[in-house]
Amino acid sequence: MFIQKRKVDSPIVRAMVRYQVGIQTESRIVDAARELLAENGLEATTLKAICDRAGVQAGSFYNLFDSKEELVIRVVRESINAIDPDPDGDGRDTLDDLVEAYIKFITEEPEVARVYIQVAVTGSHNHSGAAARFLRHHERRVERFADAMQRSDPDLGTKESMVKAEVLLGALDGLAFRWTLDMGFDFVGHVREAAARFV
C-alpha cells in the first residue's frame, strides 16, 4: 500500500507554522509585560522594555496588540481570571467567594493589582478605549456581586441588589486604593468587615 506524504512546504503547513510562531511570540510578549510590571511598575514598563525582554521587534508587537495599554489590560485580566471562583459563569459563586477572590487578587498579585488600580484611575482618562474596558469590567463585577446577593436572599429585588453591589464594590475599590498608598494598611481585615455588612 502506497501512502502519499504531505509536502512539508505546503501552504497549509506553512500557515500552521506561522500560527504557532505567532502564538509563541504573543506568549513571550505577555510574559515579558507581566514580569516587567511586577519588577518595575507601570511607568518603567515601556514598549521598548517589553520588546527587548520578549526578544521581538516593535512590528511584531503591533501585529498582535494595538497598544501597550491593551497588553497591560490583558495581563491584568489574566490575573483576575486566574482567581475567578466561577470561571465558567455557572452562577455558583457566593458573595463570600467573590470577596475572597478580590482579596486574593490584591494580596497575591500586588504589583498587578497596583497597576490595575493605577490604570483604572489615571490611564482611563488618557485612553477612551481603556476607560470603556474598565467600565465594562466593573459593570460585570457589579452584576456578579448582585446576582450572588440575590441568590442568597431571593427577597432582594434586582435594583436593590445592584445598588448594594455597587456600594460594596465601591468600598472594596476604595480600600484597595488606600492599600496602594500604605502597604501596612490592614486591607484584608477592612475588606472582610465591609463585606460582612452586606451578608
Protein backbone atom coordinates (compact mmCIF):
# COMPACT_ATOMS: atom_id res chain seq x y z
CA MET A 1 0.00 0.00 0.00
CA PHE A 2 1.36 3.39 -1.00
CA ILE A 3 0.82 6.33 1.38
CA GLN A 4 1.42 9.75 -0.04
CA LYS A 5 3.21 12.08 2.33
CA ARG A 6 2.09 15.69 2.54
CA LYS A 7 4.73 18.09 1.36
CA VAL A 8 6.41 19.88 4.25
CA ASP A 9 6.37 23.12 2.32
CA SER A 10 2.64 23.03 1.55
CA PRO A 11 0.62 26.24 2.18
CA ILE A 12 -1.30 24.56 5.00
CA VAL A 13 1.87 23.52 6.83
CA ARG A 14 3.41 26.97 6.34
CA ALA A 15 0.25 28.61 7.72
CA MET A 16 0.28 26.29 10.74
CA VAL A 17 3.92 27.09 11.43
CA ARG A 18 3.23 30.86 11.20
CA TYR A 19 0.26 30.43 13.54
CA GLN A 20 2.39 28.56 16.10
CA VAL A 21 5.15 31.16 15.87
CA GLY A 22 2.55 33.90 16.40
CA ILE A 23 1.19 32.15 19.50
CA GLN A 24 4.69 31.73 20.91
CA THR A 25 5.54 35.38 20.20
CA GLU A 26 2.31 36.55 21.84
CA SER A 27 3.04 34.41 24.89
CA ARG A 28 6.59 35.82 25.18
CA ILE A 29 5.24 39.39 24.98
CA VAL A 30 2.57 38.77 27.64
CA ASP A 31 5.10 37.05 29.93
CA ALA A 32 7.60 39.89 29.44
CA ALA A 33 4.97 42.50 30.30
CA ARG A 34 3.87 40.58 33.41
CA GLU A 35 7.49 40.28 34.62
CA LEU A 36 8.29 43.94 33.96
CA LEU A 37 5.11 45.17 35.64
CA ALA A 38 5.96 43.09 38.72
CA GLU A 39 9.58 44.26 38.77
CA ASN A 40 9.26 47.92 37.83
CA GLY A 41 5.64 49.06 37.82
CA LEU A 42 3.66 50.65 35.03
CA GLU A 43 5.78 53.70 34.20
CA ALA A 44 9.01 51.73 33.69
CA THR A 45 7.26 49.07 31.62
CA THR A 46 7.82 50.72 28.27
CA LEU A 47 7.11 49.25 24.87
CA LYS A 48 10.85 49.06 24.23
CA ALA A 49 11.46 47.23 27.51
CA ILE A 50 8.68 44.75 26.71
CA CYS A 51 10.04 44.09 23.22
CA ASP A 52 13.60 43.75 24.50
CA ARG A 53 12.55 41.30 27.22
CA ALA A 54 10.42 39.28 24.78
CA GLY A 55 13.11 39.34 22.09
CA VAL A 56 10.81 40.82 19.43
CA GLN A 57 10.70 43.89 17.24
CA ALA A 58 8.06 46.60 17.68
CA GLY A 59 6.46 45.49 14.39
CA SER A 60 5.83 42.03 15.83
CA PHE A 61 4.31 43.64 18.92
CA TYR A 62 1.92 45.75 16.82
CA ASN A 63 0.92 42.71 14.76
CA LEU A 64 -0.53 41.28 17.99
CA PHE A 65 -1.51 44.28 20.16
CA ASP A 66 -2.84 47.74 19.34
CA SER A 67 -1.05 49.41 22.25
CA LYS A 68 0.83 48.91 25.49
CA GLU A 69 -2.42 49.71 27.32
CA GLU A 70 -4.18 46.81 25.59
CA LEU A 71 -1.37 44.48 26.68
CA VAL A 72 -1.44 45.75 30.27
CA ILE A 73 -5.20 45.21 30.41
CA ARG A 74 -4.70 41.68 29.10
CA VAL A 75 -2.12 40.90 31.81
CA VAL A 76 -4.47 42.23 34.49
CA ARG A 77 -7.45 40.35 33.04
CA GLU A 78 -5.49 37.07 33.02
CA SER A 79 -4.50 37.59 36.66
CA ILE A 80 -8.12 38.28 37.63
CA ASN A 81 -9.39 35.30 35.63
CA ALA A 82 -6.87 33.02 37.35
CA ILE A 83 -8.57 33.58 40.73
CA ASP A 84 -12.16 33.65 39.44
CA PRO A 85 -14.31 31.45 41.73
CA ASP A 86 -16.73 30.69 38.87
CA PRO A 87 -14.74 30.92 35.61
CA ASP A 88 -17.47 29.19 33.58
CA GLY A 89 -20.13 31.65 34.74
CA ASP A 90 -22.43 28.94 36.12
CA GLY A 91 -23.77 31.24 38.84
CA ARG A 92 -22.42 29.14 41.69
CA ASP A 93 -20.20 31.74 43.30
CA THR A 94 -21.30 33.25 46.59
CA LEU A 95 -20.70 36.76 47.82
CA ASP A 96 -18.04 35.33 50.14
CA ASP A 97 -16.37 33.62 47.15
CA LEU A 98 -16.28 36.88 45.20
CA VAL A 99 -14.93 38.88 48.15
CA GLU A 100 -12.24 36.26 48.81
CA ALA A 101 -11.26 36.34 45.12
CA TYR A 102 -10.95 40.14 45.36
CA ILE A 103 -8.72 39.76 48.43
CA LYS A 104 -6.65 37.08 46.69
CA PHE A 105 -6.08 39.26 43.63
CA ILE A 106 -4.85 42.18 45.72
CA THR A 107 -2.71 40.14 48.14
CA GLU A 108 -1.30 37.50 45.78
CA GLU A 109 -0.77 39.74 42.75
CA PRO A 110 0.13 43.04 44.48
CA GLU A 111 2.11 44.55 41.61
CA VAL A 112 -0.54 43.69 39.02
CA ALA A 113 -3.23 44.93 41.43
CA ARG A 114 -1.40 48.26 41.80
CA VAL A 115 -1.19 48.55 38.02
CA TYR A 116 -4.90 47.76 37.71
CA ILE A 117 -5.79 50.49 40.21
CA GLN A 118 -3.37 52.98 38.65
CA VAL A 119 -4.65 52.40 35.11
CA ALA A 120 -8.27 52.43 36.24
CA VAL A 121 -7.78 55.78 37.99
CA THR A 122 -5.36 57.58 35.67
CA GLY A 123 -4.92 55.66 32.46
CA SER A 124 -8.58 55.60 31.61
CA HIS A 125 -8.59 59.41 31.31
CA ASN A 126 -5.90 59.31 28.65
CA HIS A 127 -7.33 56.42 26.61
CA SER A 128 -11.06 56.24 25.95
CA GLY A 129 -10.70 52.58 24.91
CA ALA A 130 -9.14 51.72 28.27
CA ALA A 131 -11.89 53.62 30.08
CA ALA A 132 -14.56 51.65 28.23
CA ARG A 133 -12.84 48.34 29.02
CA PHE A 134 -12.51 49.16 32.72
CA LEU A 135 -16.12 50.31 32.88
CA ARG A 136 -17.31 47.05 31.24
CA HIS A 137 -15.22 45.03 33.68
CA HIS A 138 -16.65 46.97 36.63
CA GLU A 139 -20.22 46.56 35.38
CA ARG A 140 -19.73 42.78 35.03
CA ARG A 141 -18.37 42.60 38.58
CA VAL A 142 -21.37 44.56 39.89
CA GLU A 143 -23.71 42.16 38.08
CA ARG A 144 -21.94 39.13 39.54
CA PHE A 145 -21.98 40.54 43.06
CA ALA A 146 -25.67 41.48 42.67
CA ASP A 147 -26.51 38.02 41.35
CA ALA A 148 -24.74 36.36 44.29
CA MET A 149 -26.63 38.64 46.69
CA GLN A 150 -29.96 37.74 45.09
CA ARG A 151 -29.24 34.03 45.18
CA SER A 152 -28.52 34.25 48.92
CA ASP A 153 -31.61 36.44 49.53
CA PRO A 154 -34.39 35.76 46.99
CA ASP A 155 -36.50 38.58 48.51
CA LEU A 156 -33.88 41.10 47.40
CA GLY A 157 -35.04 42.96 44.30
CA THR A 158 -32.87 43.44 41.22
CA LYS A 159 -32.49 47.20 41.67
CA GLU A 160 -31.70 46.88 45.38
CA SER A 161 -29.12 44.14 44.76
CA MET A 162 -27.44 46.24 42.04
CA VAL A 163 -27.23 49.25 44.38
CA LYS A 164 -25.86 47.12 47.23
CA ALA A 165 -23.31 45.50 44.88
CA GLU A 166 -22.19 48.91 43.58
CA VAL A 167 -21.76 50.23 47.13
CA LEU A 168 -19.84 47.14 48.26
CA LEU A 169 -17.52 47.24 45.24
CA GLY A 170 -17.02 50.97 45.79
CA ALA A 171 -15.92 50.20 49.34
CA LEU A 172 -13.59 47.39 48.20
CA ASP A 173 -12.07 49.54 45.46
CA GLY A 174 -11.60 52.40 47.95
CA LEU A 175 -9.87 50.06 50.38
CA ALA A 176 -7.64 48.76 47.57
CA PHE A 177 -6.76 52.36 46.67
CA ARG A 178 -5.95 53.06 50.33
CA TRP A 179 -3.76 49.93 50.39
CA THR A 180 -1.74 51.17 47.38
CA LEU A 181 -0.89 54.29 49.40
CA ASP A 182 0.04 52.38 52.58
CA MET A 183 1.19 48.78 52.30
CA GLY A 184 0.89 48.42 56.10
CA PHE A 185 -2.86 49.07 55.92
CA ASP A 186 -4.97 46.09 57.06
CA PHE A 187 -6.62 45.62 53.69
CA VAL A 188 -7.91 42.10 54.33
CA GLY A 189 -9.44 42.95 57.71
CA HIS A 190 -11.18 46.04 56.36
CA VAL A 191 -12.49 44.21 53.27
CA ARG A 192 -13.96 41.42 55.40
CA GLU A 193 -15.52 43.98 57.73
CA ALA A 194 -17.08 45.84 54.77
CA ALA A 195 -18.36 42.63 53.21
CA ALA A 196 -19.88 41.44 56.50
CA ARG A 197 -22.23 44.42 56.39
CA PHE A 198 -23.73 43.10 53.13
CA VAL A 199 -24.20 39.44 54.02
